Amino acid sequence: MTRPIPNILIRGTNWIGDSVISLPALREIRRAFAESRLSLLVKPWVADLFTGADFIDETIPYDRRPGPLGFLQFVRFLRKKHFDAAILLQNAFEAAALAFAAGIPIRVGFPTDGRRFLLTHPLEFAAPVPHEHQIYDYLNIAAQSEMLLTGNSRVDFLKPQYRLPVDGETQNRMRRQLLSLGWVKEHRLIAVNPGAANNPLKRWFPDRFARLSDKLLDRGDCTVVLIGAPSEESITDEIISRMRQIPIKLTGRTSLAESIAALSLSDLAISNDTGPAYIAAALCRPTITIFGPTNYRSICPTSPTSQILNFPVPCAPCRLKRCPTDHECMKQITVERVYMAALDQLGLKEN
C-alpha cells in the first residue's frame, strides 16, 4: 500500500517511562508520514510529555468513563475524527478493539493479547537490530508501519532520537520557584525521586534516601529537591522526617510539565526505576537510576548521561510486588555507593 494516508491515529503507551522510550519511534513515524496529520492518543497523566512536540499534530487524552458505555462514547468521538489508519504502540487488546470499533480502516500493531483478528496489518516481532531493550520494539513498529504503508523503510535503529522537548516558559517559571524555595543558584541542583507508583519493590529505602540527601547537603555546594507524584507524598515526608538538613519539597506540588522543567534544570537526577529517571535521561541530564527487581536490560533510561546502579541476585528480575525473601537486590545498594556515583556524575571530589 503506497497511497497517501492523510489522518493517522497513534495509540501511545500508558506510563511515563514507556512513553519516553517510545519517543524515537514517534519521531520516525513523523518522518515517514510527513504529509499526514498525526494524533497521539494517551492517558491524561502522560499527555504533558508531548506539549510543544514537533512530531505530533494533536494529543488526545484517553480519558473516558469506565465500563462499556464509556468505551462506546469514546468510539463515537473517534469516529467523528475520520482516521484513515491506526498505529498501535500499545500492545493491549483494548487498543485494537478501540480502533476496530471506531471503523479505522487500517490497523497496524503487534498481534499480542489475542487481538490478531482485529488488526488489518499484524506485525512481525523480530527487529532488524537484535536487542532486548524495549526502545527497539517501538522502532520496529515504526519501521514495519512505514514499509507496509509506503513501500519502504528508512528507520534509524542505530541512533535513536530520544530527546525530550522542554517548554521554555514553564522552565523559567520553575527556575524562579526553586530559587524562591531556597535553591542557591551557585549550588548543584540534585533532583531526588524516591517513589515508584506501580511497584513498591522498585523503591530504594527511605532511610537511605534521607542519609544520601543529608550527605549531599552537608557538602555545602548542593541543593536537594525531592520530587514525585501526589500519591508519593508520604514517602517524601518520611524521608524529610529522617533528615538533619532541610531539602526543597516539590512532591505532589507540580504538574508533569513542571516536573519536566525542574528536571531540565537539575545537575543530577537520582531516582528509582520510574518515570522521572526516564525524563531526566531524555533531557540529557546526568541521571542515576537505582534498579532492584526489574530488568534494566529490557527497559531503562537511555542516554549517554545515564548511569544504572543495581546488585545482581539470582531471583532478579522477578517483577513481583512483594518480596518473598529479604529484598536483597535493594539492600545491597549502599548509601556510599550511590553517593560516590553522584559525585562522579557531578564531577565533584569527596570532602
C-alpha atoms as a PDB file:
ATOM      1  CA  MET A   1       0.000   0.000   0.000  1.00  0.00           C
ATOM      2  CA  THR A   2       1.526   3.309  -1.091  1.00  0.00           C
ATOM      3  CA  ARG A   3      -1.451   5.670  -1.303  1.00  0.00           C
ATOM      4  CA  PRO A   4      -1.462   8.827   0.906  1.00  0.00           C
ATOM      5  CA  ILE A   5      -2.818   8.416   4.420  1.00  0.00           C
ATOM      6  CA  PRO A   6      -3.986  11.864   5.494  1.00  0.00           C
ATOM      7  CA  ASN A   7      -5.127  11.179   9.056  1.00  0.00           C
ATOM      8  CA  ILE A   8      -3.308   8.757  11.378  1.00  0.00           C
ATOM      9  CA  LEU A   9      -4.107   7.857  14.979  1.00  0.00           C
ATOM     10  CA  ILE A  10      -1.202   6.614  17.118  1.00  0.00           C
ATOM     11  CA  ARG A  11      -2.161   4.794  20.323  1.00  0.00           C
ATOM     12  CA  GLY A  12       0.659   5.681  22.715  1.00  0.00           C
ATOM     13  CA  THR A  13       1.735   3.902  25.869  1.00  0.00           C
ATOM     14  CA  ASN A  14       0.216   4.335  29.329  1.00  0.00           C
ATOM     15  CA  TRP A  15       3.196   5.009  31.588  1.00  0.00           C
ATOM     16  CA  ILE A  16       5.680   7.873  31.650  1.00  0.00           C
ATOM     17  CA  GLY A  17       8.779   5.684  31.291  1.00  0.00           C
ATOM     18  CA  ASP A  18       7.306   3.731  28.377  1.00  0.00           C
ATOM     19  CA  SER A  19       6.177   6.974  26.734  1.00  0.00           C
ATOM     20  CA  VAL A  20       9.697   8.388  26.908  1.00  0.00           C
ATOM     21  CA  ILE A  21      11.097   5.151  25.475  1.00  0.00           C
ATOM     22  CA  SER A  22       8.659   5.475  22.547  1.00  0.00           C
ATOM     23  CA  LEU A  23       9.908   8.962  21.547  1.00  0.00           C
ATOM     24  CA  PRO A  24      12.353   7.699  18.858  1.00  0.00           C
ATOM     25  CA  ALA A  25       9.551   5.679  17.236  1.00  0.00           C
ATOM     26  CA  LEU A  26       7.219   8.691  17.244  1.00  0.00           C
ATOM     27  CA  ARG A  27       9.889  10.789  15.541  1.00  0.00           C
ATOM     28  CA  GLU A  28      10.376   8.100  12.892  1.00  0.00           C
ATOM     29  CA  ILE A  29       6.627   7.903  12.284  1.00  0.00           C
ATOM     30  CA  ARG A  30       6.585  11.688  11.818  1.00  0.00           C
ATOM     31  CA  ARG A  31       9.416  11.432   9.269  1.00  0.00           C
ATOM     32  CA  ALA A  32       7.793   8.520   7.446  1.00  0.00           C
ATOM     33  CA  PHE A  33       4.388  10.225   7.223  1.00  0.00           C
ATOM     34  CA  ALA A  34       5.475  13.839   6.880  1.00  0.00           C
ATOM     35  CA  GLU A  35       2.327  14.848   4.986  1.00  0.00           C
ATOM     36  CA  SER A  36      -0.089  13.127   7.359  1.00  0.00           C
ATOM     37  CA  ARG A  37      -1.848  14.579  10.367  1.00  0.00           C
ATOM     38  CA  LEU A  38      -0.675  12.600  13.417  1.00  0.00           C
ATOM     39  CA  SER A  39      -2.891  12.388  16.504  1.00  0.00           C
ATOM     40  CA  LEU A  40      -1.466  10.721  19.620  1.00  0.00           C
ATOM     41  CA  LEU A  41      -3.942   9.009  21.958  1.00  0.00           C
ATOM     42  CA  VAL A  42      -2.520   8.712  25.500  1.00  0.00           C
ATOM     43  CA  LYS A  43      -3.677   8.615  29.094  1.00  0.00           C
ATOM     44  CA  PRO A  44      -4.108  12.095  30.633  1.00  0.00           C
ATOM     45  CA  TRP A  45      -1.239  11.638  33.087  1.00  0.00           C
ATOM     46  CA  VAL A  46       1.346  11.387  30.275  1.00  0.00           C
ATOM     47  CA  ALA A  47      -0.126  13.996  27.910  1.00  0.00           C
ATOM     48  CA  ASP A  48       2.134  16.804  29.203  1.00  0.00           C
ATOM     49  CA  LEU A  49       5.173  14.906  27.917  1.00  0.00           C
ATOM     50  CA  PHE A  50       4.188  15.914  24.406  1.00  0.00           C
ATOM     51  CA  THR A  51       3.461  19.600  24.987  1.00  0.00           C
ATOM     52  CA  GLY A  52       5.191  21.513  22.214  1.00  0.00           C
ATOM     53  CA  ALA A  53       6.405  18.345  20.471  1.00  0.00           C
ATOM     54  CA  ASP A  54       7.093  18.942  16.784  1.00  0.00           C
ATOM     55  CA  PHE A  55       6.454  15.312  15.816  1.00  0.00           C
ATOM     56  CA  ILE A  56       2.748  15.268  16.776  1.00  0.00           C
ATOM     57  CA  ASP A  57      -0.059  17.470  15.456  1.00  0.00           C
ATOM     58  CA  GLU A  58      -2.523  16.695  18.234  1.00  0.00           C
ATOM     59  CA  THR A  59      -2.533  14.952  21.601  1.00  0.00           C
ATOM     60  CA  ILE A  60      -5.841  13.302  22.561  1.00  0.00           C
ATOM     61  CA  PRO A  61      -6.202  12.404  26.271  1.00  0.00           C
ATOM     62  CA  TYR A  62      -7.735   8.940  26.601  1.00  0.00           C
ATOM     63  CA  ASP A  63      -9.960   9.983  29.462  1.00  0.00           C
ATOM     64  CA  ARG A  64     -13.193   8.019  29.214  1.00  0.00           C
ATOM     65  CA  ARG A  65     -15.834   6.883  31.658  1.00  0.00           C
ATOM     66  CA  PRO A  66     -15.353   3.315  32.922  1.00  0.00           C
ATOM     67  CA  GLY A  67     -17.335   0.403  31.551  1.00  0.00           C
ATOM     68  CA  PRO A  68     -18.893  -0.419  28.157  1.00  0.00           C
ATOM     69  CA  LEU A  69     -20.810   2.861  27.932  1.00  0.00           C
ATOM     70  CA  GLY A  70     -17.640   4.909  28.356  1.00  0.00           C
ATOM     71  CA  PHE A  71     -15.919   2.779  25.708  1.00  0.00           C
ATOM     72  CA  LEU A  72     -18.754   3.313  23.218  1.00  0.00           C
ATOM     73  CA  GLN A  73     -18.845   7.047  23.867  1.00  0.00           C
ATOM     74  CA  PHE A  74     -15.139   7.279  23.092  1.00  0.00           C
ATOM     75  CA  VAL A  75     -15.631   5.164  19.960  1.00  0.00           C
ATOM     76  CA  ARG A  76     -18.198   7.706  18.746  1.00  0.00           C
ATOM     77  CA  PHE A  77     -15.723  10.508  19.460  1.00  0.00           C
ATOM     78  CA  LEU A  78     -13.031   8.773  17.381  1.00  0.00           C
ATOM     79  CA  ARG A  79     -15.436   8.043  14.531  1.00  0.00           C
ATOM     80  CA  LYS A  80     -16.018  11.794  14.136  1.00  0.00           C
ATOM     81  CA  LYS A  81     -12.271  12.242  13.604  1.00  0.00           C
ATOM     82  CA  HIS A  82     -12.352  10.075  10.432  1.00  0.00           C
ATOM     83  CA  PHE A  83      -8.957   8.446  10.910  1.00  0.00           C
ATOM     84  CA  ASP A  84      -7.529   6.596   7.912  1.00  0.00           C
ATOM     85  CA  ALA A  85      -5.081   4.430   9.886  1.00  0.00           C
ATOM     86  CA  ALA A  86      -4.173   3.491  13.446  1.00  0.00           C
ATOM     87  CA  ILE A  87      -0.619   2.601  14.517  1.00  0.00           C
ATOM     88  CA  LEU A  88      -0.734   0.853  17.886  1.00  0.00           C
ATOM     89  CA  LEU A  89       2.359   1.279  20.047  1.00  0.00           C
ATOM     90  CA  GLN A  90       0.384  -0.080  22.989  1.00  0.00           C
ATOM     91  CA  ASN A  91       0.091  -3.867  22.877  1.00  0.00           C
ATOM     92  CA  ALA A  92      -3.184  -4.290  24.786  1.00  0.00           C
ATOM     93  CA  PHE A  93      -6.359  -5.833  23.363  1.00  0.00           C
ATOM     94  CA  GLU A  94      -8.347  -2.673  24.114  1.00  0.00           C
ATOM     95  CA  ALA A  95      -6.148  -0.537  21.845  1.00  0.00           C
ATOM     96  CA  ALA A  96      -7.002  -2.708  18.829  1.00  0.00           C
ATOM     97  CA  ALA A  97     -10.652  -3.048  19.865  1.00  0.00           C
ATOM     98  CA  LEU A  98     -10.977   0.729  20.038  1.00  0.00           C
ATOM     99  CA  ALA A  99      -9.504   1.221  16.555  1.00  0.00           C
ATOM    100  CA  PHE A 100     -11.684  -1.594  15.160  1.00  0.00           C
ATOM    101  CA  ALA A 101     -14.896  -0.295  16.741  1.00  0.00           C
ATOM    102  CA  ALA A 102     -14.104   3.243  15.547  1.00  0.00           C
ATOM    103  CA  GLY A 103     -14.083   1.952  11.964  1.00  0.00           C
ATOM    104  CA  ILE A 104     -10.456   2.905  11.273  1.00  0.00           C
ATOM    105  CA  PRO A 105      -9.770   1.001   8.043  1.00  0.00           C
ATOM    106  CA  ILE A 106      -6.023   0.340   8.564  1.00  0.00           C
ATOM    107  CA  ARG A 107      -4.956  -1.062  11.948  1.00  0.00           C
ATOM    108  CA  VAL A 108      -1.259  -1.801  12.491  1.00  0.00           C
ATOM    109  CA  GLY A 109       0.316  -3.409  15.565  1.00  0.00           C
ATOM    110  CA  PHE A 110       1.785  -6.496  17.155  1.00  0.00           C
ATOM    111  CA  PRO A 111      -0.692  -9.433  17.386  1.00  0.00           C
ATOM    112  CA  THR A 112      -0.430  -9.560  21.188  1.00  0.00           C
ATOM    113  CA  ASP A 113      -3.102 -10.111  23.841  1.00  0.00           C
ATOM    114  CA  GLY A 114      -5.305 -12.170  21.475  1.00  0.00           C
ATOM    115  CA  ARG A 115      -6.014  -9.235  19.162  1.00  0.00           C
ATOM    116  CA  ARG A 116      -4.687 -10.513  15.817  1.00  0.00           C
ATOM    117  CA  PHE A 117      -8.189 -10.758  14.317  1.00  0.00           C
ATOM    118  CA  LEU A 118      -8.734  -7.030  14.999  1.00  0.00           C
ATOM    119  CA  LEU A 119      -5.653  -5.936  13.019  1.00  0.00           C
ATOM    120  CA  THR A 120      -5.515  -5.444   9.268  1.00  0.00           C
ATOM    121  CA  HIS A 121      -1.695  -5.485   9.399  1.00  0.00           C
ATOM    122  CA  PRO A 122      -0.321  -7.722  12.197  1.00  0.00           C
ATOM    123  CA  LEU A 123       3.424  -7.135  12.541  1.00  0.00           C
ATOM    124  CA  GLU A 124       6.374  -9.497  12.934  1.00  0.00           C
ATOM    125  CA  PHE A 125       8.190  -9.463  16.269  1.00  0.00           C
ATOM    126  CA  ALA A 126      11.771  -9.807  15.020  1.00  0.00           C
ATOM    127  CA  ALA A 127      13.543  -6.431  14.958  1.00  0.00           C
ATOM    128  CA  PRO A 128      16.214  -5.562  12.346  1.00  0.00           C
ATOM    129  CA  VAL A 129      18.617  -4.841  15.234  1.00  0.00           C
ATOM    130  CA  PRO A 130      18.597  -7.757  17.710  1.00  0.00           C
ATOM    131  CA  HIS A 131      18.371  -6.145  21.147  1.00  0.00           C
ATOM    132  CA  GLU A 132      16.122  -6.759  24.124  1.00  0.00           C
ATOM    133  CA  HIS A 133      15.643  -3.100  25.039  1.00  0.00           C
ATOM    134  CA  GLN A 134      12.034  -2.009  24.545  1.00  0.00           C
ATOM    135  CA  ILE A 135      13.067   1.057  22.540  1.00  0.00           C
ATOM    136  CA  TYR A 136      13.669  -1.286  19.594  1.00  0.00           C
ATOM    137  CA  ASP A 137      10.192  -2.821  19.868  1.00  0.00           C
ATOM    138  CA  TYR A 138       8.668   0.604  19.254  1.00  0.00           C
ATOM    139  CA  LEU A 139      11.158   1.358  16.467  1.00  0.00           C
ATOM    140  CA  ASN A 140      10.236  -1.993  14.917  1.00  0.00           C
ATOM    141  CA  ILE A 141       6.567  -0.938  14.862  1.00  0.00           C
ATOM    142  CA  ALA A 142       7.565   2.329  13.166  1.00  0.00           C
ATOM    143  CA  ALA A 143       9.757   0.512  10.610  1.00  0.00           C
ATOM    144  CA  GLN A 144       7.165  -2.105   9.674  1.00  0.00           C
ATOM    145  CA  SER A 145       4.395   0.511   9.538  1.00  0.00           C
ATOM    146  CA  GLU A 146       6.457   2.578   7.119  1.00  0.00           C
ATOM    147  CA  MET A 147       7.229  -0.480   4.969  1.00  0.00           C
ATOM    148  CA  LEU A 148       3.620  -1.682   4.872  1.00  0.00           C
ATOM    149  CA  LEU A 149       2.055   1.711   4.212  1.00  0.00           C
ATOM    150  CA  THR A 150       4.655   3.395   1.990  1.00  0.00           C
ATOM    151  CA  GLY A 151       6.572   0.525   0.394  1.00  0.00           C
ATOM    152  CA  ASN A 152       9.967   1.212   2.017  1.00  0.00           C
ATOM    153  CA  SER A 153      11.513   1.918   5.414  1.00  0.00           C
ATOM    154  CA  ARG A 154      14.340   4.233   6.474  1.00  0.00           C
ATOM    155  CA  VAL A 155      14.009   3.905  10.253  1.00  0.00           C
ATOM    156  CA  ASP A 156      17.315   4.546  12.014  1.00  0.00           C
ATOM    157  CA  PHE A 157      17.866   1.804  14.605  1.00  0.00           C
ATOM    158  CA  LEU A 158      21.436   2.859  15.360  1.00  0.00           C
ATOM    159  CA  LYS A 159      20.922   6.450  16.546  1.00  0.00           C
ATOM    160  CA  PRO A 160      17.509   6.697  18.245  1.00  0.00           C
ATOM    161  CA  GLN A 161      16.406  10.298  18.801  1.00  0.00           C
ATOM    162  CA  TYR A 162      15.200  10.114  22.407  1.00  0.00           C
ATOM    163  CA  ARG A 163      15.495  13.798  23.389  1.00  0.00           C
ATOM    164  CA  LEU A 164      12.511  15.389  25.109  1.00  0.00           C
ATOM    165  CA  PRO A 165      11.421  18.981  24.376  1.00  0.00           C
ATOM    166  CA  VAL A 166      11.039  21.462  27.253  1.00  0.00           C
ATOM    167  CA  ASP A 167       8.658  24.388  27.341  1.00  0.00           C
ATOM    168  CA  GLY A 168      10.808  27.490  27.915  1.00  0.00           C
ATOM    169  CA  GLU A 169       8.137  29.461  29.767  1.00  0.00           C
ATOM    170  CA  THR A 170       7.466  26.609  32.193  1.00  0.00           C
ATOM    171  CA  GLN A 171      11.202  26.165  32.724  1.00  0.00           C
ATOM    172  CA  ASN A 172      11.674  29.854  33.587  1.00  0.00           C
ATOM    173  CA  ARG A 173       8.722  29.740  35.975  1.00  0.00           C
ATOM    174  CA  MET A 174      10.152  26.656  37.682  1.00  0.00           C
ATOM    175  CA  ARG A 175      13.581  28.296  37.979  1.00  0.00           C
ATOM    176  CA  ARG A 176      12.020  31.243  39.803  1.00  0.00           C
ATOM    177  CA  GLN A 177      10.039  28.896  42.071  1.00  0.00           C
ATOM    178  CA  LEU A 178      13.098  26.857  43.026  1.00  0.00           C
ATOM    179  CA  LEU A 179      15.097  29.995  43.794  1.00  0.00           C
ATOM    180  CA  SER A 180      12.256  31.268  45.992  1.00  0.00           C
ATOM    181  CA  LEU A 181      12.221  27.927  47.856  1.00  0.00           C
ATOM    182  CA  GLY A 182      15.922  28.071  48.719  1.00  0.00           C
ATOM    183  CA  TRP A 183      17.944  26.917  45.725  1.00  0.00           C
ATOM    184  CA  VAL A 184      21.231  28.769  45.769  1.00  0.00           C
ATOM    185  CA  LYS A 185      21.991  29.339  42.110  1.00  0.00           C
ATOM    186  CA  GLU A 186      25.697  28.583  42.580  1.00  0.00           C
ATOM    187  CA  HIS A 187      24.850  25.192  44.092  1.00  0.00           C
ATOM    188  CA  ARG A 188      24.445  21.970  42.132  1.00  0.00           C
ATOM    189  CA  LEU A 189      20.736  21.177  41.916  1.00  0.00           C
ATOM    190  CA  ILE A 190      20.044  17.499  42.633  1.00  0.00           C
ATOM    191  CA  ALA A 191      16.555  16.131  41.972  1.00  0.00           C
ATOM    192  CA  VAL A 192      15.742  13.072  44.102  1.00  0.00           C
ATOM    193  CA  ASN A 193      12.758  10.892  43.212  1.00  0.00           C
ATOM    194  CA  PRO A 194      12.153   8.268  45.948  1.00  0.00           C
ATOM    195  CA  GLY A 195       8.829   6.878  44.722  1.00  0.00           C
ATOM    196  CA  ALA A 196       7.682   4.264  42.211  1.00  0.00           C
ATOM    197  CA  ALA A 197       3.918   4.288  41.963  1.00  0.00           C
ATOM    198  CA  ASN A 198       3.364   0.994  40.176  1.00  0.00           C
ATOM    199  CA  ASN A 199       5.595  -1.290  42.282  1.00  0.00           C
ATOM    200  CA  PRO A 200       6.790  -0.758  45.886  1.00  0.00           C
ATOM    201  CA  LEU A 201       9.677  -3.218  45.397  1.00  0.00           C
ATOM    202  CA  LYS A 202      11.249  -0.763  42.932  1.00  0.00           C
ATOM    203  CA  ARG A 203      11.779   1.728  45.768  1.00  0.00           C
ATOM    204  CA  TRP A 204      15.124   2.129  47.467  1.00  0.00           C
ATOM    205  CA  PHE A 205      14.655   2.617  51.207  1.00  0.00           C
ATOM    206  CA  PRO A 206      13.505   5.976  52.676  1.00  0.00           C
ATOM    207  CA  ASP A 207      16.209   5.959  55.383  1.00  0.00           C
ATOM    208  CA  ARG A 208      18.862   5.588  52.688  1.00  0.00           C
ATOM    209  CA  PHE A 209      17.431   8.398  50.588  1.00  0.00           C
ATOM    210  CA  ALA A 210      17.469  10.505  53.768  1.00  0.00           C
ATOM    211  CA  ARG A 211      21.119   9.714  54.560  1.00  0.00           C
ATOM    212  CA  LEU A 212      22.129  10.265  50.940  1.00  0.00           C
ATOM    213  CA  SER A 213      20.356  13.626  50.797  1.00  0.00           C
ATOM    214  CA  ASP A 214      21.987  14.709  54.079  1.00  0.00           C
ATOM    215  CA  LYS A 215      25.442  13.749  52.792  1.00  0.00           C
ATOM    216  CA  LEU A 216      24.912  15.822  49.650  1.00  0.00           C
ATOM    217  CA  LEU A 217      23.569  18.808  51.590  1.00  0.00           C
ATOM    218  CA  ASP A 218      26.393  18.547  54.155  1.00  0.00           C
ATOM    219  CA  ARG A 219      28.848  19.384  51.383  1.00  0.00           C
ATOM    220  CA  GLY A 220      27.587  22.954  51.226  1.00  0.00           C
ATOM    221  CA  ASP A 221      27.649  23.098  47.426  1.00  0.00           C
ATOM    222  CA  CYS A 222      24.487  21.130  46.613  1.00  0.00           C
ATOM    223  CA  THR A 223      20.744  21.779  46.836  1.00  0.00           C
ATOM    224  CA  VAL A 224      18.447  18.730  47.037  1.00  0.00           C
ATOM    225  CA  VAL A 225      14.886  18.896  45.722  1.00  0.00           C
ATOM    226  CA  LEU A 226      12.518  15.972  46.345  1.00  0.00           C
ATOM    227  CA  ILE A 227      10.069  15.329  43.510  1.00  0.00           C
ATOM    228  CA  GLY A 228       7.232  12.899  42.817  1.00  0.00           C
ATOM    229  CA  ALA A 229       3.519  12.398  42.336  1.00  0.00           C
ATOM    230  CA  PRO A 230       0.867  13.350  44.938  1.00  0.00           C
ATOM    231  CA  SER A 231       0.474   9.647  45.799  1.00  0.00           C
ATOM    232  CA  GLU A 232       4.156   9.579  46.837  1.00  0.00           C
ATOM    233  CA  GLU A 233       3.972  12.470  49.300  1.00  0.00           C
ATOM    234  CA  SER A 234       4.006  10.168  52.343  1.00  0.00           C
ATOM    235  CA  ILE A 235       7.316   8.673  51.172  1.00  0.00           C
ATOM    236  CA  THR A 236       8.843  12.130  50.807  1.00  0.00           C
ATOM    237  CA  ASP A 237       7.534  13.175  54.222  1.00  0.00           C
ATOM    238  CA  GLU A 238       9.099  10.089  55.809  1.00  0.00           C
ATOM    239  CA  ILE A 239      12.445  10.933  54.199  1.00  0.00           C
ATOM    240  CA  ILE A 240      12.308  14.546  55.397  1.00  0.00           C
ATOM    241  CA  SER A 241      11.425  13.378  58.931  1.00  0.00           C
ATOM    242  CA  ARG A 242      14.597  11.266  58.973  1.00  0.00           C
ATOM    243  CA  MET A 243      16.877  14.063  57.711  1.00  0.00           C
ATOM    244  CA  ARG A 244      19.016  16.522  59.676  1.00  0.00           C
ATOM    245  CA  GLN A 245      19.061  19.031  56.814  1.00  0.00           C
ATOM    246  CA  ILE A 246      16.066  20.615  55.073  1.00  0.00           C
ATOM    247  CA  PRO A 247      15.585  19.848  51.349  1.00  0.00           C
ATOM    248  CA  ILE A 248      13.190  21.517  48.948  1.00  0.00           C
ATOM    249  CA  LYS A 249       9.936  19.576  48.658  1.00  0.00           C
ATOM    250  CA  LEU A 250       8.130  19.573  45.306  1.00  0.00           C
ATOM    251  CA  THR A 251       6.483  16.149  45.675  1.00  0.00           C
ATOM    252  CA  GLY A 252       2.787  16.434  44.832  1.00  0.00           C
ATOM    253  CA  ARG A 253       3.094  20.158  44.133  1.00  0.00           C
ATOM    254  CA  THR A 254       3.872  20.188  40.408  1.00  0.00           C
ATOM    255  CA  SER A 255       2.224  19.133  37.177  1.00  0.00           C
ATOM    256  CA  LEU A 256       4.078  16.757  34.874  1.00  0.00           C
ATOM    257  CA  ALA A 257       5.130  19.727  32.711  1.00  0.00           C
ATOM    258  CA  GLU A 258       6.538  21.477  35.800  1.00  0.00           C
ATOM    259  CA  SER A 259       8.353  18.303  36.883  1.00  0.00           C
ATOM    260  CA  ILE A 260       9.917  18.088  33.425  1.00  0.00           C
ATOM    261  CA  ALA A 261      11.030  21.716  33.771  1.00  0.00           C
ATOM    262  CA  ALA A 262      12.526  21.051  37.222  1.00  0.00           C
ATOM    263  CA  LEU A 263      14.431  18.027  35.912  1.00  0.00           C
ATOM    264  CA  SER A 264      15.701  20.056  32.944  1.00  0.00           C
ATOM    265  CA  LEU A 265      17.313  22.455  35.444  1.00  0.00           C
ATOM    266  CA  SER A 266      18.927  19.731  37.545  1.00  0.00           C
ATOM    267  CA  ASP A 267      22.631  18.980  37.545  1.00  0.00           C
ATOM    268  CA  LEU A 268      21.799  15.415  38.568  1.00  0.00           C
ATOM    269  CA  ALA A 269      18.676  13.275  38.992  1.00  0.00           C
ATOM    270  CA  ILE A 270      18.713  10.303  41.380  1.00  0.00           C
ATOM    271  CA  SER A 271      15.690   8.065  41.026  1.00  0.00           C
ATOM    272  CA  ASN A 272      14.212   4.628  41.336  1.00  0.00           C
ATOM    273  CA  ASP A 273      13.202   2.863  38.118  1.00  0.00           C
ATOM    274  CA  THR A 274      10.237   5.101  37.345  1.00  0.00           C
ATOM    275  CA  GLY A 275       9.119   7.973  35.114  1.00  0.00           C
ATOM    276  CA  PRO A 276      11.348  10.866  36.301  1.00  0.00           C
ATOM    277  CA  ALA A 277      14.507   8.832  35.631  1.00  0.00           C
ATOM    278  CA  TYR A 278      13.454   8.359  32.010  1.00  0.00           C
ATOM    279  CA  ILE A 279      12.509  12.022  31.679  1.00  0.00           C
ATOM    280  CA  ALA A 280      15.851  13.220  33.073  1.00  0.00           C
ATOM    281  CA  ALA A 281      17.767  10.940  30.732  1.00  0.00           C
ATOM    282  CA  ALA A 282      15.731  12.134  27.738  1.00  0.00           C
ATOM    283  CA  LEU A 283      16.578  15.697  28.786  1.00  0.00           C
ATOM    284  CA  CYS A 284      20.255  14.632  28.645  1.00  0.00           C
ATOM    285  CA  ARG A 285      20.710  15.444  32.329  1.00  0.00           C
ATOM    286  CA  PRO A 286      23.132  13.319  34.383  1.00  0.00           C
ATOM    287  CA  THR A 287      20.972  10.558  35.851  1.00  0.00           C
ATOM    288  CA  ILE A 288      21.438   7.743  38.360  1.00  0.00           C
ATOM    289  CA  THR A 289      18.717   5.085  38.321  1.00  0.00           C
ATOM    290  CA  ILE A 290      18.546   2.559  41.152  1.00  0.00           C
ATOM    291  CA  PHE A 291      17.308  -0.808  39.882  1.00  0.00           C
ATOM    292  CA  GLY A 292      16.101  -3.661  42.071  1.00  0.00           C
ATOM    293  CA  PRO A 293      13.793  -6.445  40.849  1.00  0.00           C
ATOM    294  CA  THR A 294      13.182  -5.186  37.291  1.00  0.00           C
ATOM    295  CA  ASN A 295      15.191  -5.999  34.171  1.00  0.00           C
ATOM    296  CA  TYR A 296      17.314  -2.983  33.256  1.00  0.00           C
ATOM    297  CA  ARG A 297      18.380  -4.680  30.029  1.00  0.00           C
ATOM    298  CA  SER A 298      14.854  -4.597  28.591  1.00  0.00           C
ATOM    299  CA  ILE A 299      13.794  -1.142  29.742  1.00  0.00           C
ATOM    300  CA  CYS A 300      15.915   1.562  31.341  1.00  0.00           C
ATOM    301  CA  PRO A 301      16.674   5.253  30.843  1.00  0.00           C
ATOM    302  CA  THR A 302      18.545   5.641  27.577  1.00  0.00           C
ATOM    303  CA  SER A 303      21.127   8.411  27.374  1.00  0.00           C
ATOM    304  CA  PRO A 304      24.932   8.816  27.385  1.00  0.00           C
ATOM    305  CA  THR A 305      24.435  10.765  30.636  1.00  0.00           C
ATOM    306  CA  SER A 306      22.554   7.945  32.397  1.00  0.00           C
ATOM    307  CA  GLN A 307      24.044   5.512  34.920  1.00  0.00           C
ATOM    308  CA  ILE A 308      22.387   2.381  36.313  1.00  0.00           C
ATOM    309  CA  LEU A 309      23.074   1.043  39.798  1.00  0.00           C
ATOM    310  CA  ASN A 310      21.959  -2.480  40.674  1.00  0.00           C
ATOM    311  CA  PHE A 311      23.052  -5.529  42.616  1.00  0.00           C
ATOM    312  CA  PRO A 312      22.641  -8.851  40.771  1.00  0.00           C
ATOM    313  CA  VAL A 313      20.791 -11.553  42.692  1.00  0.00           C
ATOM    314  CA  PRO A 314      19.655 -14.992  41.416  1.00  0.00           C
ATOM    315  CA  CYS A 315      15.948 -14.173  41.759  1.00  0.00           C
ATOM    316  CA  ALA A 316      16.040 -10.977  39.675  1.00  0.00           C
ATOM    317  CA  PRO A 317      14.376  -9.874  37.534  1.00  0.00           C
ATOM    318  CA  CYS A 318      11.217 -11.032  39.266  1.00  0.00           C
ATOM    319  CA  ARG A 319       8.566  -8.306  38.639  1.00  0.00           C
ATOM    320  CA  LEU A 320       6.930  -9.245  41.940  1.00  0.00           C
ATOM    321  CA  LYS A 321       5.233  -6.607  44.101  1.00  0.00           C
ATOM    322  CA  ARG A 322       6.025  -8.355  47.366  1.00  0.00           C
ATOM    323  CA  CYS A 323       9.445  -9.859  48.035  1.00  0.00           C
ATOM    324  CA  PRO A 324       9.277 -13.451  49.360  1.00  0.00           C
ATOM    325  CA  THR A 325      12.858 -13.202  50.698  1.00  0.00           C
ATOM    326  CA  ASP A 326      14.780 -10.195  52.041  1.00  0.00           C
ATOM    327  CA  HIS A 327      14.740  -7.616  49.202  1.00  0.00           C
ATOM    328  CA  GLU A 328      18.452  -8.264  48.783  1.00  0.00           C
ATOM    329  CA  CYS A 329      18.594  -6.608  45.356  1.00  0.00           C
ATOM    330  CA  MET A 330      17.931  -3.245  47.036  1.00  0.00           C
ATOM    331  CA  LYS A 331      19.582  -3.885  50.406  1.00  0.00           C
ATOM    332  CA  GLN A 332      22.975  -4.390  48.790  1.00  0.00           C
ATOM    333  CA  ILE A 333      22.889  -0.933  47.151  1.00  0.00           C
ATOM    334  CA  THR A 334      24.522   1.192  49.831  1.00  0.00           C
ATOM    335  CA  VAL A 335      24.287   4.909  50.514  1.00  0.00           C
ATOM    336  CA  GLU A 336      28.039   5.217  49.986  1.00  0.00           C
ATOM    337  CA  ARG A 337      27.814   3.600  46.549  1.00  0.00           C
ATOM    338  CA  VAL A 338      25.085   5.983  45.372  1.00  0.00           C
ATOM    339  CA  TYR A 339      26.872   8.962  46.932  1.00  0.00           C
ATOM    340  CA  MET A 340      30.162   8.190  45.163  1.00  0.00           C
ATOM    341  CA  ALA A 341      28.290   7.683  41.867  1.00  0.00           C
ATOM    342  CA  ALA A 342      26.623  11.065  42.392  1.00  0.00           C
ATOM    343  CA  LEU A 343      29.964  12.815  42.956  1.00  0.00           C
ATOM    344  CA  ASP A 344      31.331  11.172  39.818  1.00  0.00           C
ATOM    345  CA  GLN A 345      28.345  12.327  37.758  1.00  0.00           C
ATOM    346  CA  LEU A 346      28.689  15.850  39.162  1.00  0.00           C
ATOM    347  CA  GLY A 347      32.440  15.966  38.629  1.00  0.00           C
ATOM    348  CA  LEU A 348      32.994  16.646  42.354  1.00  0.00           C
ATOM    349  CA  LYS A 349      35.507  15.235  44.810  1.00  0.00           C
ATOM    350  CA  GLU A 350      34.737  13.825  48.240  1.00  0.00           C
ATOM    351  CA  ASN A 351      35.148  16.391  51.032  1.00  0.00           C
END
